[in-house]
């Protein structure tokens, strides 16, 4: 059996997340159906991360095994022909036997987009958190800085998380205030806040809970240093709200 590695982009708006569900349409489920149609192999797709319902991916990485002898370019065309327009395989190739998209990763980056409601582009509303408050970017940056390094992130872990250990290491976190953003080769001259977090691994809803907490600090509902107290509490109730899924992107995997 060959092990095939694929890089996938998807707009997660219409889907119930990555992971296969019995009664819901998911990214993994649709990919597995496409592989079955093209290769006649009922193969399990193993992804680098389980994105939630409504979350998008610029470069999700996955593998599957097949006995098909179709060459990679033909396989790519055939699989994309059996996928909906908002899920695209952008690269495909052979993978080493010991490659696992999740456990072989050195780190991954998620990015989140926040846009002001009053000056937002209609084309960004689907892919950002639209807010009507003035945010203190300096306070948000100060708060985010306290999260770098290795910590117990229980305060930012959603219930139902299957992780046995809540300790994760954030390698880098950036809160950037942008005057414009590029989208589909166009430039939209609207203010955007982009929050990018690179870590060795993530807990369920960890990024969205961090974003929601930093957002509340930006609104002035708590001081930046409060985030240290939240970390030490190791209690989800101590942190802020969960940011909506629509603004979150799995941006990059590093192997």
Protein backbone atom coordinates (compact mmCIF):
# COMPACT_ATOMS: atom_id res chain seq x y z
CA UNK A 1 0.00 0.00 0.00
CA UNK A 2 1.23 3.49 -0.84
CA UNK A 3 1.04 6.30 1.72
CA UNK A 4 -0.15 9.51 0.08
CA UNK A 5 0.34 12.97 1.59
CA UNK A 6 -2.05 15.76 0.64
CA UNK A 7 -2.19 19.50 1.39
CA UNK A 8 -5.73 20.80 1.59
CA UNK A 9 -7.41 24.20 1.66
CA UNK A 10 -11.01 24.58 2.75
CA UNK A 11 -13.66 27.09 3.66
CA UNK A 12 -15.14 25.53 6.78
CA UNK A 13 -18.30 27.65 6.88
CA UNK A 14 -20.68 24.96 5.68
CA UNK A 15 -19.14 22.02 7.53
CA UNK A 16 -19.30 20.47 10.99
CA UNK A 17 -15.54 20.54 11.38
CA UNK A 18 -12.81 18.16 10.27
CA UNK A 19 -13.61 14.91 12.05
CA UNK A 20 -16.04 12.33 10.64
CA UNK A 21 -19.50 12.42 12.24
CA UNK A 22 -22.38 10.03 11.65
CA UNK A 23 -25.07 12.57 10.80
CA UNK A 24 -23.04 15.63 9.84
CA UNK A 25 -21.04 16.67 6.78
CA UNK A 26 -17.34 17.06 7.58
CA UNK A 27 -14.08 17.68 5.71
CA UNK A 28 -12.60 14.30 6.62
CA UNK A 29 -15.80 12.52 5.66
CA UNK A 30 -15.95 14.13 2.22
CA UNK A 31 -12.27 13.41 1.57
CA UNK A 32 -12.74 9.75 2.48
CA UNK A 33 -15.72 9.47 0.12
CA UNK A 34 -13.64 11.02 -2.67
CA UNK A 35 -10.76 8.59 -2.06
CA UNK A 36 -13.18 5.64 -2.13
CA UNK A 37 -14.70 6.76 -5.45
CA UNK A 38 -11.33 7.35 -7.10
CA UNK A 39 -9.24 4.47 -5.73
CA UNK A 40 -11.84 1.92 -4.60
CA UNK A 41 -10.04 1.88 -1.24
CA UNK A 42 -11.99 2.57 1.95
CA UNK A 43 -9.11 4.53 3.49
CA UNK A 44 -8.98 6.55 6.68
CA UNK A 45 -7.81 10.15 6.16
CA UNK A 46 -5.50 11.22 9.01
CA UNK A 47 -5.15 14.99 9.37
CA UNK A 48 -2.68 17.23 11.15
CA UNK A 49 -5.40 18.94 13.18
CA UNK A 50 -9.08 18.56 13.98
CA UNK A 51 -10.49 21.96 13.06
CA UNK A 52 -13.85 22.85 14.60
CA UNK A 53 -17.11 23.52 12.79
CA UNK A 54 -16.79 26.74 10.79
CA UNK A 55 -12.97 26.92 10.98
CA UNK A 56 -10.98 27.27 7.75
CA UNK A 57 -7.63 25.91 6.58
CA UNK A 58 -5.01 27.41 4.29
CA UNK A 59 -2.72 24.38 4.56
CA UNK A 60 -4.15 21.35 6.31
CA UNK A 61 -1.94 18.28 5.88
CA UNK A 62 -3.29 14.73 5.74
CA UNK A 63 -2.38 11.20 4.65
CA UNK A 64 -4.17 8.12 3.40
CA UNK A 65 -3.15 4.69 2.17
CA UNK A 66 -4.11 3.25 -1.19
CA UNK A 67 -3.35 0.39 -3.54
CA UNK A 68 -4.14 2.60 -6.53
CA UNK A 69 -1.33 3.04 -9.03
CA UNK A 70 -2.57 6.41 -10.28
CA UNK A 71 0.29 8.92 -10.42
CA UNK A 72 0.03 11.95 -8.08
CA UNK A 73 -1.08 14.53 -10.71
CA UNK A 74 -3.85 12.23 -11.95
CA UNK A 75 -4.86 11.42 -8.38
CA UNK A 76 -5.02 15.13 -7.52
CA UNK A 77 -7.27 15.93 -10.48
CA UNK A 78 -9.55 12.97 -9.82
CA UNK A 79 -9.93 13.69 -6.12
CA UNK A 80 -10.68 17.38 -6.68
CA UNK A 81 -13.29 16.41 -9.28
CA UNK A 82 -15.07 14.50 -6.50
CA UNK A 83 -14.89 17.25 -3.87
CA UNK A 84 -17.11 20.33 -3.43
CA UNK A 85 -15.80 23.69 -4.62
CA UNK A 86 -14.92 24.85 -1.10
CA UNK A 87 -12.52 21.95 -0.45
CA UNK A 88 -9.41 21.75 -2.65
CA UNK A 89 -6.35 19.53 -2.58
CA UNK A 90 -3.50 21.87 -3.55
CA UNK A 91 -0.60 19.42 -3.44
CA UNK A 92 -0.15 15.66 -3.40
CA UNK A 93 2.76 13.23 -3.25
CA UNK A 94 4.20 10.07 -1.75
CA UNK A 95 4.91 10.06 2.01
CA UNK A 96 7.52 8.13 3.97
CA UNK A 97 6.24 5.14 5.93
CA UNK A 98 6.94 6.80 9.28
CA UNK A 99 5.31 10.15 8.41
CA UNK A 100 2.31 11.17 10.53
CA UNK A 101 0.84 14.62 9.81
CA UNK A 102 0.03 15.21 13.47
CA UNK A 103 2.92 13.66 15.38
CA UNK A 104 5.64 14.48 12.83
CA UNK A 105 4.84 18.20 13.02
CA UNK A 106 7.33 20.47 14.80
CA UNK A 107 4.72 23.21 15.19
CA UNK A 108 1.60 24.66 13.67
CA UNK A 109 0.23 28.19 13.30
CA UNK A 110 -3.36 29.30 13.66
CA UNK A 111 -4.37 32.85 12.76
CA UNK A 112 -7.50 34.76 13.69
CA UNK A 113 -8.99 37.82 11.96
CA UNK A 114 -10.97 40.56 13.73
CA UNK A 115 -12.60 43.36 11.72
CA UNK A 116 -14.43 46.51 12.86
CA UNK A 117 -18.12 46.21 12.00
CA UNK A 118 -18.56 49.77 10.78
CA UNK A 119 -15.75 49.67 8.19
CA UNK A 120 -15.65 45.99 7.30
CA UNK A 121 -15.71 44.71 3.72
CA UNK A 122 -18.73 42.61 2.80
CA UNK A 123 -16.30 40.00 1.46
CA UNK A 124 -14.54 39.60 4.81
CA UNK A 125 -17.61 39.20 7.01
CA UNK A 126 -17.68 35.46 6.38
CA UNK A 127 -14.05 35.06 7.47
CA UNK A 128 -13.67 37.37 10.46
CA UNK A 129 -15.09 38.33 13.84
CA UNK A 130 -16.94 41.58 13.22
CA UNK A 131 -16.88 43.78 16.30
CA UNK A 132 -18.20 47.24 17.11
CA UNK A 133 -15.70 48.19 19.83
CA UNK A 134 -12.47 50.14 19.73
CA UNK A 135 -9.75 47.76 20.89
CA UNK A 136 -6.55 48.71 22.70
CA UNK A 137 -3.96 46.92 20.56
CA UNK A 138 -1.15 47.65 23.02
CA UNK A 139 -3.05 46.01 25.89
CA UNK A 140 -3.80 43.00 23.67
CA UNK A 141 -0.13 42.67 22.73
CA UNK A 142 0.98 42.93 26.35
CA UNK A 143 -1.51 40.26 27.43
CA UNK A 144 -0.55 37.92 24.61
CA UNK A 145 3.12 38.20 25.55
CA UNK A 146 2.41 36.52 28.89
CA UNK A 147 1.25 33.37 27.07
CA UNK A 148 4.51 32.53 25.31
CA UNK A 149 6.46 29.57 26.63
CA UNK A 150 5.38 26.29 28.19
CA UNK A 151 2.29 26.48 30.40
CA UNK A 152 -0.70 24.53 31.65
CA UNK A 153 -3.43 25.91 29.37
CA UNK A 154 -6.38 24.34 31.23
CA UNK A 155 -7.99 27.80 31.50
CA UNK A 156 -8.18 27.92 27.70
CA UNK A 157 -9.24 24.31 27.15
CA UNK A 158 -12.82 23.53 26.14
CA UNK A 159 -14.83 20.85 27.87
CA UNK A 160 -14.77 17.53 26.05
CA UNK A 161 -11.10 17.91 25.07
CA UNK A 162 -9.52 14.46 24.72
CA UNK A 163 -5.97 15.65 25.55
CA UNK A 164 -4.49 13.83 28.53
CA UNK A 165 -2.03 16.62 29.30
CA UNK A 166 -3.00 20.33 29.17
CA UNK A 167 0.62 21.53 28.97
CA UNK A 168 1.47 23.17 25.65
CA UNK A 169 4.25 25.45 24.45
CA UNK A 170 3.44 28.64 22.56
CA UNK A 171 6.51 29.45 20.50
CA UNK A 172 5.27 32.76 19.17
CA UNK A 173 2.16 34.92 19.40
CA UNK A 174 1.60 38.11 17.44
CA UNK A 175 -1.22 40.65 17.67
CA UNK A 176 -0.92 42.87 14.60
CA UNK A 177 -2.93 45.94 13.64
CA UNK A 178 -3.20 46.09 9.82
CA UNK A 179 -4.47 48.95 7.66
CA UNK A 180 -5.46 46.61 4.84
CA UNK A 181 -5.68 42.95 3.92
CA UNK A 182 -5.24 41.07 0.65
CA UNK A 183 -8.00 38.70 -0.40
CA UNK A 184 -8.48 36.90 -3.74
CA UNK A 185 -5.80 39.15 -5.34
CA UNK A 186 -7.71 42.26 -4.18
CA UNK A 187 -6.64 44.62 -1.43
CA UNK A 188 -9.28 45.78 1.02
CA UNK A 189 -8.33 49.01 2.74
CA UNK A 190 -10.07 48.28 6.02
CA UNK A 191 -8.50 48.02 9.49
CA UNK A 192 -7.89 44.43 10.59
CA UNK A 193 -6.46 42.85 13.72
CA UNK A 194 -4.66 39.58 13.07
CA UNK A 195 -3.75 37.29 15.96
CA UNK A 196 -1.31 34.51 15.02
CA UNK A 197 -0.30 31.77 17.44
CA UNK A 198 2.43 29.20 16.78
CA UNK A 199 2.68 26.25 19.18
CA UNK A 200 3.90 22.70 19.35
CA UNK A 201 0.26 21.58 19.74
CA UNK A 202 -3.14 22.96 20.72
CA UNK A 203 -5.98 22.00 23.02
CA UNK A 204 -9.60 22.02 21.91
CA UNK A 205 -10.78 25.63 21.36
CA UNK A 206 -7.47 26.86 22.82
CA UNK A 207 -6.91 29.50 20.13
CA UNK A 208 -10.50 30.74 20.15
CA UNK A 209 -10.49 30.98 23.95
CA UNK A 210 -7.21 32.89 23.93
CA UNK A 211 -8.54 35.24 21.25
CA UNK A 212 -11.78 35.79 23.19
CA UNK A 213 -9.83 36.62 26.36
CA UNK A 214 -7.36 38.94 24.62
CA UNK A 215 -10.33 40.62 22.90
CA UNK A 216 -11.94 41.35 26.28
CA UNK A 217 -8.64 42.81 27.50
CA UNK A 218 -8.58 44.98 24.37
CA UNK A 219 -12.05 46.25 25.30
CA UNK A 220 -10.76 47.22 28.74
CA UNK A 221 -12.84 44.67 30.64
CA UNK A 222 -9.69 43.44 32.44
CA UNK A 223 -6.03 44.58 32.62
CA UNK A 224 -3.35 42.83 30.51
CA UNK A 225 -1.65 41.28 33.56
CA UNK A 226 -4.92 39.53 34.43
CA UNK A 227 -4.00 36.87 31.90
CA UNK A 228 -1.26 35.60 34.27
CA UNK A 229 -3.89 35.05 36.94
CA UNK A 230 -6.11 33.29 34.39
CA UNK A 231 -3.28 30.94 33.40
CA UNK A 232 -2.52 30.10 37.02
CA UNK A 233 -6.19 29.43 37.79
CA UNK A 234 -6.22 26.38 35.49
CA UNK A 235 -9.97 26.85 35.23
CA UNK A 236 -11.88 27.60 32.02
CA UNK A 237 -14.33 29.78 33.97
CA UNK A 238 -11.51 32.22 34.74
CA UNK A 239 -10.89 33.10 31.08
CA UNK A 240 -12.93 35.12 28.60
CA UNK A 241 -15.43 34.15 25.96
CA UNK A 242 -14.84 31.77 23.07
CA UNK A 243 -14.29 33.70 19.83
CA UNK A 244 -16.55 32.69 16.90
CA UNK A 245 -15.17 29.99 14.60
CA UNK A 246 -15.56 32.04 11.40
CA UNK A 247 -12.38 34.11 11.92
CA UNK A 248 -10.01 31.19 12.56
CA UNK A 249 -7.61 29.68 10.01
CA UNK A 250 -5.19 26.79 10.26
CA UNK A 251 -2.47 28.72 8.48
CA UNK A 252 0.70 26.64 8.41
CA UNK A 253 2.28 23.33 9.42
CA UNK A 254 6.04 22.97 9.93
CA UNK A 255 7.75 19.56 9.71
